[in-house]
Amino acid sequence: MNPTSIDLHAEARRRLIAAGLDPNERRERSRFNLAEHRLIHALEALDRRVPESFAGREVQDARVAGWADRFVAEGKSYGILMLGPTGSHKTTEAYAAIRRIAIAKAERGLGFAWQAATFAGFNALMRPRDENAHLADFDRFCNAEVVLLDDLGVGLESDWTDDTLYRLIDHRWANKLATIVTTNLPGKALAASVDQRVASRLGSLVQMTFRNADGRKAETL
């Protein structure tokens, strides 16, 4: 077992004990073992899939925390539209929300299917590839419990990208699957930059505006 695995096991046990599960109580042992297995799997996936700049971050915004907790409790939501300038921590909060949900569901012994990509990265994934791999990727994005689509409105757009985005957003909206969308564009500019049908469905998302200063700027020494 490598040091990272040891750290994940230790974090999993700490979280489960804090949640009230006793690994030494015979009646709870099987429940604890299942939750521990799910939690370690969730932590490993987060460690592997979340970009390093956002890894391990906890939710700081009470609005985001509240939304994530309601999603865990209710299991359904249209999602969040995060608006704000560059560096206002939208993406950090989005990945932190995914982390919060993944851990909360794992503590209950439940799995969690999520996908995340920048808008430009999503478009790249959707380009036709050998053995129709892009169709499998599209299906995963369509049907994941939560999808993060970061930086909507950034990158080249065409009729093809517009159609792909519409099919994704429409499917998720119709089935009330949660989509977290971040964008640097103000609301009116975003609406003008996407298909009108997409803009209409984005209107179903909980809108949150972020106004923090650019957190990426280095401090002046």
Protein backbone atom coordinates (compact mmCIF):
# COMPACT_ATOMS: atom_id res chain seq x y z
CA MET A 1 0.00 0.00 0.00
CA ASN A 2 1.58 3.32 -1.05
CA PRO A 3 1.57 6.46 1.14
CA THR A 4 -1.27 8.02 -0.86
CA SER A 5 -3.46 4.95 -0.30
CA ILE A 6 -2.64 5.03 3.41
CA ASP A 7 -3.64 8.71 3.55
CA LEU A 8 -6.94 7.97 1.77
CA HIS A 9 -7.75 5.10 4.12
CA ALA A 10 -7.00 7.30 7.11
CA GLU A 11 -9.16 10.13 5.75
CA ALA A 12 -11.98 7.72 4.99
CA ARG A 13 -11.96 6.29 8.51
CA ARG A 14 -11.75 9.74 10.07
CA ARG A 15 -14.74 11.00 8.06
CA LEU A 16 -16.88 7.94 8.77
CA ILE A 17 -16.17 8.01 12.50
CA ALA A 18 -17.01 11.74 12.51
CA ALA A 19 -20.29 10.82 10.77
CA GLY A 20 -21.13 8.53 13.69
CA LEU A 21 -20.17 5.10 12.30
CA ASP A 22 -18.22 2.93 14.73
CA PRO A 23 -15.87 0.42 13.03
CA ASN A 24 -15.64 -1.55 16.28
CA GLU A 25 -19.38 -1.99 16.69
CA ARG A 26 -20.35 -5.41 15.31
CA ARG A 27 -23.82 -4.32 14.17
CA GLU A 28 -22.31 -1.42 12.18
CA ARG A 29 -19.23 -3.19 10.86
CA SER A 30 -20.65 -4.25 7.50
CA ARG A 31 -22.19 -0.82 6.95
CA PHE A 32 -18.90 0.80 7.92
CA ASN A 33 -16.92 -1.46 5.57
CA LEU A 34 -19.21 -0.68 2.62
CA ALA A 35 -19.09 3.04 3.33
CA GLU A 36 -15.31 2.90 3.75
CA HIS A 37 -14.95 1.11 0.40
CA ARG A 38 -17.18 3.67 -1.34
CA LEU A 39 -15.42 6.59 0.32
CA ILE A 40 -11.93 5.40 -0.58
CA HIS A 41 -13.10 4.87 -4.17
CA ALA A 42 -14.61 8.39 -4.23
CA LEU A 43 -11.46 9.97 -2.79
CA GLU A 44 -9.27 8.10 -5.28
CA ALA A 45 -11.45 9.27 -8.18
CA LEU A 46 -11.34 12.88 -6.95
CA ASP A 47 -7.58 12.67 -6.50
CA ARG A 48 -7.17 11.28 -10.02
CA ARG A 49 -9.69 13.38 -11.95
CA VAL A 50 -9.80 16.84 -10.37
CA PRO A 51 -7.16 19.23 -11.79
CA GLU A 52 -4.37 19.91 -9.31
CA SER A 53 -5.25 23.60 -8.86
CA PHE A 54 -8.67 22.58 -7.51
CA ALA A 55 -7.81 19.31 -5.76
CA GLY A 56 -8.88 18.85 -2.15
CA ARG A 57 -10.71 22.18 -1.96
CA GLU A 58 -13.71 22.48 0.33
CA VAL A 59 -16.75 24.61 -0.50
CA GLN A 60 -16.38 28.17 0.83
CA ASP A 61 -19.60 29.70 -0.53
CA ALA A 62 -22.68 29.01 1.61
CA ARG A 63 -24.94 29.10 -1.47
CA VAL A 64 -22.92 26.33 -3.13
CA ALA A 65 -22.78 24.27 0.07
CA GLY A 66 -26.55 24.56 0.46
CA TRP A 67 -27.16 23.49 -3.12
CA ALA A 68 -24.81 20.50 -2.81
CA ASP A 69 -26.45 19.36 0.43
CA ARG A 70 -29.94 19.65 -1.08
CA PHE A 71 -28.78 17.62 -4.06
CA VAL A 72 -27.53 14.84 -1.79
CA ALA A 73 -30.80 14.88 0.16
CA GLU A 74 -33.16 15.10 -2.82
CA GLY A 75 -31.17 13.48 -5.63
CA LYS A 76 -32.46 15.81 -8.35
CA SER A 77 -31.70 19.37 -9.47
CA TYR A 78 -31.37 21.30 -12.70
CA GLY A 79 -28.02 22.62 -11.42
CA ILE A 80 -26.18 25.91 -11.01
CA LEU A 81 -25.18 28.68 -13.40
CA MET A 82 -22.10 30.40 -11.94
CA LEU A 83 -21.47 33.88 -13.34
CA GLY A 84 -18.51 36.10 -12.60
CA PRO A 85 -15.24 37.55 -13.85
CA THR A 86 -12.01 35.62 -14.31
CA GLY A 87 -10.48 34.55 -11.01
CA SER A 88 -13.66 34.81 -8.94
CA HIS A 89 -13.31 31.17 -7.79
CA LYS A 90 -16.24 29.79 -9.80
CA THR A 91 -14.36 26.70 -10.96
CA THR A 92 -12.88 26.12 -7.50
CA GLU A 93 -16.36 26.20 -5.98
CA ALA A 94 -17.73 23.95 -8.73
CA TYR A 95 -15.14 21.23 -8.15
CA ALA A 96 -15.54 21.66 -4.38
CA ALA A 97 -19.29 21.05 -4.79
CA ILE A 98 -18.57 17.83 -6.68
CA ARG A 99 -16.18 16.78 -3.91
CA ARG A 100 -18.76 17.56 -1.23
CA ILE A 101 -21.43 15.52 -3.01
CA ALA A 102 -19.11 12.58 -3.76
CA ILE A 103 -17.99 12.32 -0.14
CA ALA A 104 -21.48 12.73 1.31
CA LYS A 105 -22.91 10.03 -0.94
CA ALA A 106 -19.97 7.69 -0.25
CA GLU A 107 -20.49 8.11 3.50
CA ARG A 108 -23.98 6.74 2.88
CA GLY A 109 -22.54 3.80 0.94
CA LEU A 110 -23.67 5.24 -2.41
CA GLY A 111 -21.76 5.66 -5.66
CA PHE A 112 -21.64 8.92 -7.60
CA ALA A 113 -21.21 9.35 -11.36
CA TRP A 114 -19.89 12.75 -12.44
CA GLN A 115 -18.18 14.29 -15.43
CA ALA A 116 -16.30 17.57 -15.86
CA ALA A 117 -14.67 19.45 -18.70
CA THR A 118 -14.08 22.93 -19.97
CA PHE A 119 -16.39 23.87 -22.82
CA ALA A 120 -13.41 23.74 -25.20
CA GLY A 121 -12.38 20.38 -23.77
CA PHE A 122 -15.90 19.02 -24.14
CA ASN A 123 -15.98 20.06 -27.79
CA ALA A 124 -12.64 18.32 -28.34
CA LEU A 125 -14.00 15.12 -26.79
CA MET A 126 -17.00 15.22 -29.08
CA ARG A 127 -14.95 15.21 -32.30
CA PRO A 128 -15.38 11.88 -34.13
CA ARG A 129 -12.76 9.32 -33.09
CA ASP A 130 -11.93 5.70 -33.82
CA GLU A 131 -14.52 3.13 -32.75
CA ASN A 132 -16.99 5.96 -32.03
CA ALA A 133 -15.31 6.69 -28.69
CA HIS A 134 -16.79 10.20 -28.82
CA LEU A 135 -20.31 8.72 -28.67
CA ALA A 136 -19.47 6.86 -25.46
CA ASP A 137 -18.10 10.09 -23.99
CA PHE A 138 -21.25 11.96 -25.01
CA ASP A 139 -23.41 9.32 -23.35
CA ARG A 140 -21.41 9.64 -20.11
CA PHE A 141 -21.87 13.41 -20.11
CA CYS A 142 -25.57 13.09 -20.91
CA ASN A 143 -26.35 10.66 -18.10
CA ALA A 144 -23.94 11.48 -15.25
CA GLU A 145 -25.61 12.54 -12.01
CA VAL A 146 -23.68 15.83 -12.11
CA VAL A 147 -21.80 17.45 -14.99
CA LEU A 148 -19.49 20.44 -14.71
CA LEU A 149 -19.20 22.46 -17.92
CA ASP A 150 -16.54 25.05 -17.22
CA ASP A 151 -15.96 28.32 -19.11
CA LEU A 152 -19.03 28.20 -21.33
CA GLY A 153 -18.65 30.72 -24.13
CA VAL A 154 -14.87 30.29 -24.43
CA GLY A 155 -13.49 28.78 -27.64
CA LEU A 156 -14.53 28.51 -31.24
CA GLU A 157 -18.21 27.94 -31.92
CA SER A 158 -19.91 26.49 -34.98
CA ASP A 159 -23.22 24.94 -35.96
CA TRP A 160 -21.74 21.59 -34.91
CA THR A 161 -20.68 22.75 -31.42
CA ASP A 162 -24.02 24.55 -30.98
CA ASP A 163 -25.94 21.38 -31.85
CA THR A 164 -23.82 19.19 -29.56
CA LEU A 165 -24.23 21.62 -26.67
CA TYR A 166 -27.98 21.79 -27.24
CA ARG A 167 -28.37 18.02 -27.27
CA LEU A 168 -26.40 17.75 -24.02
CA ILE A 169 -28.21 20.55 -22.19
CA ASP A 170 -31.64 19.51 -23.49
CA HIS A 171 -31.19 15.89 -22.41
CA ARG A 172 -30.02 16.86 -18.95
CA TRP A 173 -32.75 19.48 -18.55
CA ALA A 174 -35.49 17.08 -19.70
CA ASN A 175 -34.35 14.44 -17.20
CA LYS A 176 -33.59 16.94 -14.41
CA LEU A 177 -29.94 15.94 -14.19
CA ALA A 178 -27.76 18.49 -12.42
CA THR A 179 -25.44 20.59 -14.58
CA ILE A 180 -22.98 23.08 -13.12
CA VAL A 181 -22.09 25.72 -15.70
CA THR A 182 -19.45 28.40 -15.16
CA THR A 183 -18.92 31.39 -17.42
CA ASN A 184 -17.07 34.70 -17.45
CA LEU A 185 -19.80 36.23 -19.60
CA PRO A 186 -22.54 38.40 -18.07
CA GLY A 187 -26.04 36.94 -18.35
CA LYS A 188 -27.11 38.86 -21.47
CA ALA A 189 -23.81 38.21 -23.24
CA LEU A 190 -24.06 34.49 -22.43
CA ALA A 191 -27.62 34.33 -23.76
CA ALA A 192 -26.47 36.00 -26.98
CA SER A 193 -23.51 33.60 -27.37
CA VAL A 194 -25.48 30.33 -27.28
CA ASP A 195 -28.45 28.86 -29.10
CA GLN A 196 -31.72 30.39 -27.88
CA ARG A 197 -32.94 26.93 -26.84
CA VAL A 198 -29.81 26.44 -24.72
CA ALA A 199 -30.25 29.89 -23.14
CA SER A 200 -33.85 29.00 -22.25
CA ARG A 201 -32.82 25.79 -20.49
CA LEU A 202 -29.94 27.48 -18.67
CA GLY A 203 -32.63 29.74 -17.21
CA SER A 204 -33.79 26.74 -15.14
CA LEU A 205 -30.47 26.60 -13.28
CA VAL A 206 -29.94 28.32 -9.93
CA GLN A 207 -28.03 31.50 -10.83
CA MET A 208 -25.12 32.51 -8.60
CA THR A 209 -22.98 35.57 -9.22
CA PHE A 210 -19.39 35.67 -7.96
CA ARG A 211 -17.66 39.00 -7.50
CA ASN A 212 -14.38 38.11 -5.77
CA ALA A 213 -11.14 39.72 -6.96
CA ASP A 214 -8.92 37.70 -9.29
CA GLY A 215 -7.56 34.99 -7.01
CA ARG A 216 -4.93 33.98 -9.55
CA LYS A 217 -2.91 37.19 -9.28
CA ALA A 218 0.32 36.79 -7.35
CA GLU A 219 0.79 38.90 -4.27
CA THR A 220 3.09 41.86 -4.63
CA LEU A 221 6.23 41.36 -2.54
